[in-house]
Protein backbone atom coordinates (compact mmCIF):
# COMPACT_ATOMS: atom_id res chain seq x y z
CA MET A 1 0.00 0.00 0.00
CA THR A 2 1.51 3.36 -1.04
CA THR A 3 1.97 5.91 1.73
CA PRO A 4 -0.01 9.06 0.85
CA THR A 5 1.92 12.21 -0.09
CA PRO A 6 1.22 15.54 1.67
CA SER A 7 -0.99 16.60 -1.28
CA GLN A 8 -2.84 13.28 -1.25
CA PRO A 9 -5.15 12.88 1.76
CA ALA A 10 -5.03 9.47 3.37
CA LEU A 11 -7.89 7.10 2.76
CA ARG A 12 -9.89 6.87 5.99
CA LEU A 13 -10.42 3.32 7.15
CA SER A 14 -12.89 2.25 9.83
CA VAL A 15 -12.33 -1.16 11.48
CA VAL A 16 -15.49 -2.45 13.19
CA LEU A 17 -14.91 -4.97 15.99
CA PRO A 18 -18.03 -6.42 17.69
CA THR A 19 -17.24 -7.58 21.22
CA PHE A 20 -18.81 -9.55 24.02
CA ASN A 21 -16.57 -10.56 26.91
CA GLU A 22 -13.31 -10.03 25.00
CA ARG A 23 -11.39 -7.94 27.56
CA ASP A 24 -8.10 -9.81 27.15
CA ASN A 25 -8.24 -9.56 23.36
CA VAL A 26 -8.83 -5.83 22.77
CA GLY A 27 -5.31 -4.71 23.74
CA PRO A 28 -3.45 -7.09 21.40
CA ILE A 29 -5.82 -6.38 18.50
CA VAL A 30 -5.31 -2.60 18.89
CA ASP A 31 -1.53 -3.08 18.96
CA GLU A 32 -1.73 -5.02 15.69
CA LEU A 33 -4.04 -2.52 13.99
CA LEU A 34 -2.32 0.74 14.95
CA PRO A 35 0.53 0.34 12.39
CA LEU A 36 -2.13 0.79 9.68
CA GLN A 37 -1.99 4.51 10.54
CA SER A 38 1.13 4.74 8.37
CA CYS A 39 -1.10 4.13 5.35
CA PHE A 40 -4.63 5.19 6.37
CA GLY A 41 -6.56 7.60 8.45
CA LEU A 42 -7.66 5.02 11.03
CA GLU A 43 -10.74 4.51 13.17
CA ILE A 44 -10.90 1.41 15.40
CA LEU A 45 -14.52 1.06 16.46
CA PHE A 46 -15.41 -1.42 19.20
CA VAL A 47 -19.13 -2.24 19.45
CA ASP A 48 -19.59 -3.86 22.84
CA ASP A 49 -22.74 -5.64 24.03
CA ASP A 50 -22.36 -4.45 27.63
CA SER A 51 -19.80 -7.15 28.48
CA ALA A 52 -19.63 -8.24 32.10
CA ASP A 53 -15.85 -8.85 32.04
CA GLY A 54 -14.74 -5.22 31.73
CA THR A 55 -14.30 -5.13 27.94
CA ALA A 56 -15.78 -1.64 27.61
CA GLU A 57 -13.63 -0.28 30.45
CA ARG A 58 -10.50 -1.68 28.77
CA VAL A 59 -11.46 -0.11 25.44
CA ARG A 60 -12.05 3.22 27.20
CA GLN A 61 -8.54 3.06 28.68
CA LEU A 62 -7.08 2.39 25.24
CA ALA A 63 -9.05 5.29 23.76
CA HIS A 64 -7.34 7.66 26.24
CA ASP A 65 -3.96 6.66 24.81
CA HIS A 66 -4.94 6.22 21.15
CA PRO A 67 -7.31 8.74 19.49
CA ALA A 68 -8.06 6.21 16.75
CA VAL A 69 -9.94 3.98 19.22
CA ARG A 70 -13.69 4.52 19.70
CA LEU A 71 -16.28 2.70 21.80
CA ILE A 72 -19.99 2.06 21.29
CA ARG A 73 -21.40 0.44 24.43
CA ARG A 74 -24.81 -1.07 23.84
CA VAL A 75 -27.26 -1.56 26.69
CA GLY A 76 -30.63 -3.20 26.14
CA ARG A 77 -29.75 -4.54 22.71
CA ALA A 78 -27.48 -7.39 21.74
CA GLY A 79 -26.47 -9.79 18.98
CA LEU A 80 -23.61 -10.14 16.52
CA SER A 81 -25.45 -8.97 13.39
CA SER A 82 -26.94 -6.08 15.30
CA ALA A 83 -23.50 -5.01 16.52
CA ILE A 84 -21.96 -5.24 13.03
CA LYS A 85 -24.84 -3.28 11.51
CA GLU A 86 -24.59 -0.54 14.13
CA GLY A 87 -20.83 -0.35 13.71
CA ILE A 88 -21.03 0.00 9.92
CA LEU A 89 -23.73 2.67 10.16
CA ASP A 90 -21.72 4.64 12.75
CA ALA A 91 -18.36 4.29 10.98
CA THR A 92 -16.88 7.45 9.47
CA GLY A 93 -14.38 5.85 7.09
CA ASP A 94 -14.24 5.84 3.29
CA LEU A 95 -13.99 2.06 3.61
CA VAL A 96 -15.21 -0.16 6.44
CA VAL A 97 -13.55 -3.37 7.60
CA VAL A 98 -15.44 -5.85 9.79
CA MET A 99 -13.43 -8.45 11.67
CA ASP A 100 -13.53 -10.56 14.83
CA CYS A 101 -11.87 -9.33 18.00
CA ASP A 102 -10.56 -12.72 19.11
CA GLY A 103 -7.36 -12.65 17.05
CA GLN A 104 -8.48 -15.35 14.59
CA HIS A 105 -8.46 -12.80 11.76
CA GLU A 106 -4.96 -11.48 11.09
CA PRO A 107 -4.88 -7.66 10.98
CA ALA A 108 -2.28 -7.98 8.23
CA THR A 109 -5.10 -9.17 5.96
CA VAL A 110 -6.70 -5.71 6.20
CA SER A 111 -4.19 -4.14 3.81
CA THR A 112 -4.48 -7.11 1.43
CA ALA A 113 -8.27 -6.86 1.35
CA VAL A 114 -8.24 -3.07 0.86
CA GLU A 115 -5.75 -3.37 -1.99
CA ALA A 116 -7.91 -6.05 -3.63
CA LEU A 117 -11.02 -3.88 -3.31
CA GLN A 118 -9.32 -0.85 -4.84
CA ALA A 119 -7.65 -2.82 -7.63
CA SER A 120 -10.79 -4.71 -8.65
CA GLY A 121 -13.34 -1.95 -8.16
CA ALA A 122 -15.40 -4.34 -6.03
CA ASP A 123 -18.04 -3.20 -3.57
CA LEU A 124 -17.19 -5.94 -1.08
CA VAL A 125 -14.12 -8.09 -0.46
CA ILE A 126 -14.42 -11.17 1.76
CA GLY A 127 -11.61 -12.78 3.70
CA SER A 128 -12.21 -16.45 2.88
CA ARG A 129 -11.17 -19.39 5.05
CA PHE A 130 -11.76 -21.70 2.08
CA HIS A 131 -9.86 -19.83 -0.63
CA PRO A 132 -7.28 -22.15 -2.28
CA GLU A 133 -4.49 -20.06 -0.75
CA ALA A 134 -6.05 -19.74 2.72
CA ARG A 135 -4.46 -21.24 5.81
CA ILE A 136 -6.59 -22.42 8.71
CA HIS A 137 -5.13 -22.81 12.20
CA GLY A 138 -7.17 -23.08 15.36
CA LEU A 139 -10.34 -24.43 13.74
CA SER A 140 -11.21 -27.98 14.79
CA GLU A 141 -11.80 -30.62 12.15
CA GLN A 142 -15.46 -30.84 13.23
CA ARG A 143 -15.99 -27.08 12.87
CA GLU A 144 -14.18 -27.08 9.54
CA ARG A 145 -16.45 -29.87 8.26
CA ASN A 146 -19.53 -28.07 9.56
CA SER A 147 -18.43 -24.81 7.92
CA THR A 148 -17.81 -26.61 4.62
CA TRP A 149 -21.29 -28.12 4.75
CA ALA A 150 -22.87 -24.78 5.69
CA ASN A 151 -21.13 -23.03 2.80
CA ALA A 152 -22.35 -25.68 0.36
CA VAL A 153 -25.95 -25.11 1.45
CA ALA A 154 -25.45 -21.33 1.36
CA ARG A 155 -24.07 -21.55 -2.19
CA PHE A 156 -27.22 -23.41 -3.27
CA SER A 157 -29.43 -20.71 -1.72
CA LEU A 158 -27.45 -17.81 -3.29
CA PRO A 159 -27.10 -18.75 -6.96
CA ARG A 160 -25.97 -15.26 -7.98
CA TYR A 161 -22.90 -15.55 -5.75
CA ARG A 162 -21.92 -19.14 -6.51
CA GLN A 163 -18.35 -18.08 -7.30
CA LEU A 164 -17.70 -17.43 -3.62
CA SER A 165 -16.17 -19.90 -1.17
CA ASP A 166 -16.99 -18.46 2.29
CA TYR A 167 -20.48 -17.06 2.92
CA MET A 168 -20.07 -17.23 6.71
CA SER A 169 -16.86 -15.23 7.06
CA GLY A 170 -16.62 -12.66 9.83
CA PHE A 171 -13.95 -10.70 7.90
CA PHE A 172 -14.82 -8.37 5.03
CA VAL A 173 -14.22 -4.86 3.73
CA LEU A 174 -16.91 -2.81 1.99
CA ARG A 175 -17.61 0.49 0.28
CA PRO A 176 -20.31 2.24 2.33
CA GLU A 177 -21.79 4.13 -0.61
CA ALA A 178 -22.51 0.88 -2.47
CA THR A 179 -23.53 -1.33 0.44
CA LEU A 180 -25.39 0.88 2.95
CA PRO A 181 -28.81 0.49 1.24
CA PHE A 182 -28.50 -3.26 1.79
CA VAL A 183 -26.87 -2.99 5.24
CA ARG A 184 -29.89 -1.00 6.45
CA ARG A 185 -32.16 -3.94 5.55
CA VAL A 186 -30.16 -6.68 7.31
CA ASP A 187 -32.26 -8.46 9.93
CA VAL A 188 -30.43 -7.81 13.21
CA ASN A 189 -31.87 -10.95 14.84
CA GLY A 190 -29.40 -13.09 12.91
CA PHE A 191 -25.78 -14.03 13.57
CA LYS A 192 -24.35 -14.41 10.08
CA PHE A 193 -24.32 -10.81 8.89
CA LEU A 194 -22.41 -11.48 5.66
CA TYR A 195 -24.82 -14.19 4.50
CA GLU A 196 -27.78 -11.87 5.16
CA LEU A 197 -26.10 -9.01 3.27
CA LEU A 198 -25.46 -11.22 0.25
CA SER A 199 -29.01 -12.57 0.33
CA ILE A 200 -30.57 -9.10 0.48
CA SER A 201 -28.37 -7.72 -2.30
CA SER A 202 -29.52 -10.45 -4.74
CA GLY A 203 -26.37 -10.36 -6.85
CA ARG A 204 -26.20 -6.56 -7.16
CA LEU A 205 -22.86 -6.25 -5.35
CA ARG A 206 -19.51 -6.80 -7.01
CA VAL A 207 -17.77 -9.22 -4.68
CA GLU A 208 -14.21 -10.54 -4.53
CA GLU A 209 -12.37 -12.80 -2.09
CA VAL A 210 -8.87 -12.84 -0.62
CA PRO A 211 -7.30 -15.75 1.29
CA LEU A 212 -7.55 -15.56 5.05
CA ARG A 213 -5.01 -16.87 7.53
CA PHE A 214 -7.30 -18.13 10.29
CA GLN A 215 -5.51 -18.20 13.65
CA PRO A 216 -6.27 -19.66 17.09
CA ARG A 217 -8.12 -17.13 19.25
CA ILE A 218 -5.92 -15.10 21.60
CA ALA A 219 -8.01 -15.58 24.75
CA GLY A 220 -11.51 -16.51 25.85
CA SER A 221 -13.85 -19.08 24.37
CA SER A 222 -15.81 -19.40 21.14
CA LYS A 223 -19.37 -18.02 21.06
CA LEU A 224 -20.51 -20.80 18.72
CA ASP A 225 -23.56 -22.57 20.16
CA LEU A 226 -26.85 -24.18 19.14
CA ALA A 227 -28.48 -20.77 18.67
CA ILE A 228 -25.96 -19.85 15.95
CA VAL A 229 -26.48 -23.16 14.14
CA TRP A 230 -30.25 -22.73 14.43
CA ASP A 231 -30.02 -19.16 13.12
CA LEU A 232 -28.05 -20.29 10.08
CA GLY A 233 -30.75 -22.82 9.21
CA VAL A 234 -33.45 -20.17 9.61
CA SER A 235 -31.47 -17.72 7.42
CA ILE A 236 -31.09 -20.25 4.61
CA LEU A 237 -34.78 -21.19 4.72
CA HIS A 238 -35.65 -17.49 4.74
CA THR A 239 -33.65 -17.02 1.54
CA LEU A 240 -35.07 -20.14 -0.13
CA LEU A 241 -38.58 -18.80 0.61
CA TRP A 242 -37.65 -15.56 -1.23
CA ARG A 243 -37.67 -13.68 2.10
CA SER A 244 -41.48 -13.71 1.90
CA VAL A 245 -41.97 -15.14 5.42
CA PRO A 246 -40.57 -13.37 8.51
CA ARG A 247 -37.44 -15.02 9.90
CA ARG A 248 -38.98 -15.27 13.35
CA ALA A 249 -42.11 -16.95 11.94
CA ILE A 250 -39.89 -19.55 10.28
CA SER A 251 -38.13 -20.25 13.58
CA PHE A 252 -41.48 -20.40 15.40
CA ALA A 253 -42.77 -22.86 12.81
CA LEU A 254 -39.68 -25.08 13.14
CA VAL A 255 -40.13 -25.14 16.90
CA GLY A 256 -43.80 -25.94 16.31
CA ALA A 257 -42.70 -28.93 14.24
CA THR A 258 -40.81 -30.25 17.26
CA GLY A 259 -44.01 -29.72 19.23
CA VAL A 260 -45.84 -31.98 16.78
CA VAL A 261 -43.37 -34.75 17.55
CA VAL A 262 -43.67 -34.14 21.30
CA GLN A 263 -47.48 -34.18 21.18
CA LEU A 264 -47.67 -37.31 19.06
CA ALA A 265 -45.11 -39.12 21.23
CA THR A 266 -46.83 -38.10 24.47
CA SER A 267 -50.30 -39.10 23.30
CA HIS A 268 -48.94 -42.43 22.03
CA LEU A 269 -47.26 -43.06 25.41
CA LEU A 270 -50.40 -42.20 27.39
CA MET A 271 -52.64 -44.31 25.16
CA GLY A 272 -50.18 -47.15 25.63
CA MET A 273 -50.74 -46.76 29.38
CA GLY A 274 -54.47 -47.41 28.89
CA MET A 275 -55.91 -43.92 28.29
CA SER A 276 -58.41 -43.34 25.51
CA PHE A 277 -57.53 -40.89 22.73
CA GLY A 278 -59.82 -38.26 24.28
CA GLN A 279 -58.16 -38.66 27.69
CA ALA A 280 -54.61 -38.63 26.34
CA LEU A 281 -54.99 -35.63 24.02
CA PRO A 282 -55.28 -32.72 26.55
CA PRO A 283 -52.13 -33.57 28.55
CA ALA A 284 -50.26 -34.27 25.31
CA VAL A 285 -51.20 -30.82 24.01
CA LEU A 286 -50.10 -29.23 27.31
CA VAL A 287 -46.72 -31.00 27.25
CA ALA A 288 -46.16 -29.92 23.63
CA ALA A 289 -47.10 -26.31 24.42
CA THR A 290 -44.62 -26.25 27.33
CA SER A 291 -41.91 -27.72 25.12
CA ASN A 292 -42.60 -25.11 22.43
CA TYR A 293 -42.36 -22.29 24.97
CA LEU A 294 -39.01 -23.45 26.36
CA ILE A 295 -37.43 -23.96 22.93
CA ASN A 296 -38.76 -20.65 21.58
CA ASN A 297 -37.43 -18.89 24.65
CA SER A 298 -33.95 -20.34 23.97
CA LEU A 299 -33.88 -19.88 20.19
CA THR A 300 -36.61 -17.84 18.50
CA PHE A 301 -36.71 -15.11 21.15
CA ARG A 302 -33.18 -15.52 22.51
CA PHE A 303 -32.59 -11.74 22.57
CA GLN A 304 -35.65 -11.40 24.84
CA ARG A 305 -34.83 -14.64 26.66
CA GLN A 306 -36.47 -15.02 30.05
CA SER A 307 -34.94 -16.74 33.07
CA GLY A 308 -35.64 -17.42 36.73
CA LEU A 309 -39.07 -16.30 37.90
CA ALA A 310 -39.58 -14.48 34.60
CA LEU A 311 -39.30 -17.84 32.84
CA LEU A 312 -42.12 -19.25 34.96
CA ARG A 313 -44.26 -16.14 34.49
CA GLY A 314 -43.60 -16.33 30.77
CA LEU A 315 -44.71 -19.95 30.68
CA LEU A 316 -47.95 -19.07 32.45
CA LYS A 317 -48.53 -16.19 30.01
CA PHE A 318 -47.78 -18.49 27.09
CA LEU A 319 -50.27 -21.07 28.32
CA VAL A 320 -52.92 -18.38 28.88
CA VAL A 321 -52.33 -16.87 25.43
CA ALA A 322 -52.45 -20.38 23.95
CA SER A 323 -55.52 -21.45 25.94
CA LEU A 324 -58.04 -20.66 23.22
CA PRO A 325 -55.92 -22.33 20.53
CA VAL A 326 -55.38 -25.30 22.85
CA LEU A 327 -59.15 -25.67 23.12
CA ALA A 328 -59.38 -25.26 19.35
CA ASN A 329 -56.60 -27.83 18.91
CA VAL A 330 -58.48 -30.35 21.06
CA GLY A 331 -61.83 -29.48 19.46
CA VAL A 332 -60.64 -29.64 15.85
CA ALA A 333 -58.63 -32.81 16.46
CA SER A 334 -61.54 -34.51 18.21
CA ALA A 335 -64.00 -33.47 15.50
CA PHE A 336 -61.66 -34.67 12.76
CA TYR A 337 -61.20 -37.97 14.56
CA SER A 338 -64.97 -38.42 15.05
CA LEU A 339 -66.31 -37.04 11.77
CA VAL A 340 -63.58 -37.37 9.15
CA ALA A 341 -61.30 -40.29 9.92
CA HIS A 342 -60.32 -42.40 12.90
CA ASP A 343 -56.68 -41.47 12.38
CA THR A 344 -54.97 -40.00 15.43
CA PHE A 345 -52.04 -38.56 13.41
CA TRP A 346 -54.10 -36.53 10.93
CA ALA A 347 -56.62 -35.59 13.61
CA GLN A 348 -53.92 -34.02 15.78
CA LEU A 349 -52.14 -32.41 12.81
CA ALA A 350 -55.38 -30.68 11.79
CA GLY A 351 -55.68 -29.14 15.26
CA ILE A 352 -52.05 -28.04 15.28
CA VAL A 353 -52.27 -26.28 11.90
CA VAL A 354 -55.40 -24.37 12.92
CA VAL A 355 -53.69 -22.63 15.86
CA PHE A 356 -50.21 -21.82 14.47
CA VAL A 357 -50.85 -18.23 13.31
CA TRP A 358 -52.58 -17.25 16.54
CA ASN A 359 -49.82 -18.73 18.68
CA TYR A 360 -47.11 -16.92 16.73
CA ALA A 361 -48.73 -13.48 16.67
CA ALA A 362 -50.15 -13.49 20.19
CA SER A 363 -47.15 -15.01 21.97
CA SER A 364 -44.71 -12.68 20.18
CA ARG A 365 -46.59 -9.67 21.44
CA PHE A 366 -47.83 -10.67 24.89
CA VAL A 367 -45.21 -13.17 26.11
CA TRP A 368 -41.91 -11.82 24.74
CA ASN A 369 -43.16 -8.25 24.10
CA SER A 370 -41.86 -8.36 20.54
CA PRO A 371 -43.84 -7.10 17.52
C-alpha cells in the first residue's frame, strides 16, 4: 500500500470490531491494527454488548492513549449482526472493515483486502477461510467440516454468488456508498451478517475474495452454540422462501414442528398406558405447548430470553395466550377424529395447523413483548 503524499489525503479506514466478553483480546488487537496509521486515516470502532468482564472499560482506557480507538457500548440490545450493523452505520471511514476481535483474523489481511477492493473496483471483499491459498489454524476438524457443509448449502441458496467460497466469514471490507442500502435492511436478529447481506443484495454487489489466515483465538472461548447453528438454518430457509416469510415466523414454525413430535409421542405413550384418545390428548397438548415455549425462549426469542421467575411467568402467560388455541386444537382434532377419519395422526395435525398463526402473533406480542 503506497503511503499518501502531503498533497494526497489518506484514505480513511474504519475497522469495526463487535465484542462480548473479549477484555483480554482488545489490547493485542489494537496493537496489531495501529501500524495501519502509516497508510490510512484510522478509526478502530469497538461495538460492545455491555460485556460483564470489563471489555468496555478496557477499550475506554485504550481510547485515552490512542485517538483512533472509539467505543460504542450497547445496553438493552445485543447480537452479533446487530453489533456489526450498528458499527457500519456509525463508521466514518471511506472504507469499512469488519473483523472478529478474538485474534483469529490477522490484521495484516486488512491491507491485502483493501488493496484487492481498490484494484478490482469491487463493492465488497471477503476474507475467505476456504480460498485455495487460505491457511486455517485453530479451527477444529469438526468445525471445519460443519463450515464446509454450511457453505455448500449457502451456495445453493445464493445462486448469484456461486463463485464465492466463504459465505459465513466474519472478515470483510466494503464500500459504504454501495452497500449501505443493503446494510440497512439486514435483519439484526441473525448471527451471520455477511450471509444476510449477500441474500438481500440479490447479486447486485460486485464481490471478490482474498485468502484468510485463520488463527487460534488469543483468549476466551468461542461463542458458537446451538443458537448460531439454528439461526443459520433459519437464514437459509428465509432465503429459499424468497424472504417472503418473517425469519422469526420460520423459527417459530420449526419449533412448532418439534411440538408436533412431542405431542404425538406423548399421546402415544399415554394411550399405551391405557388412556383413551380423548383422555390422552389434553395432557399431550399441554406438554407440547410447554416444550414449544421453552425452545422458543432459547432460540426464537433468545434476545428477549427469560430466566428465573420471569421464565415461569412467561410460561404461564404463554399457556394463557395459547388457551383458546389449545381448546381449538383439542376441538378440531376430536371433530376430525370423530367425523372425518379415525386417524390419530391426521386428527392431531389438523388441530395443530389451525392454531399456528394465533400462537405466533399473540405469543410474540404478549409473552416476549416483541412485535
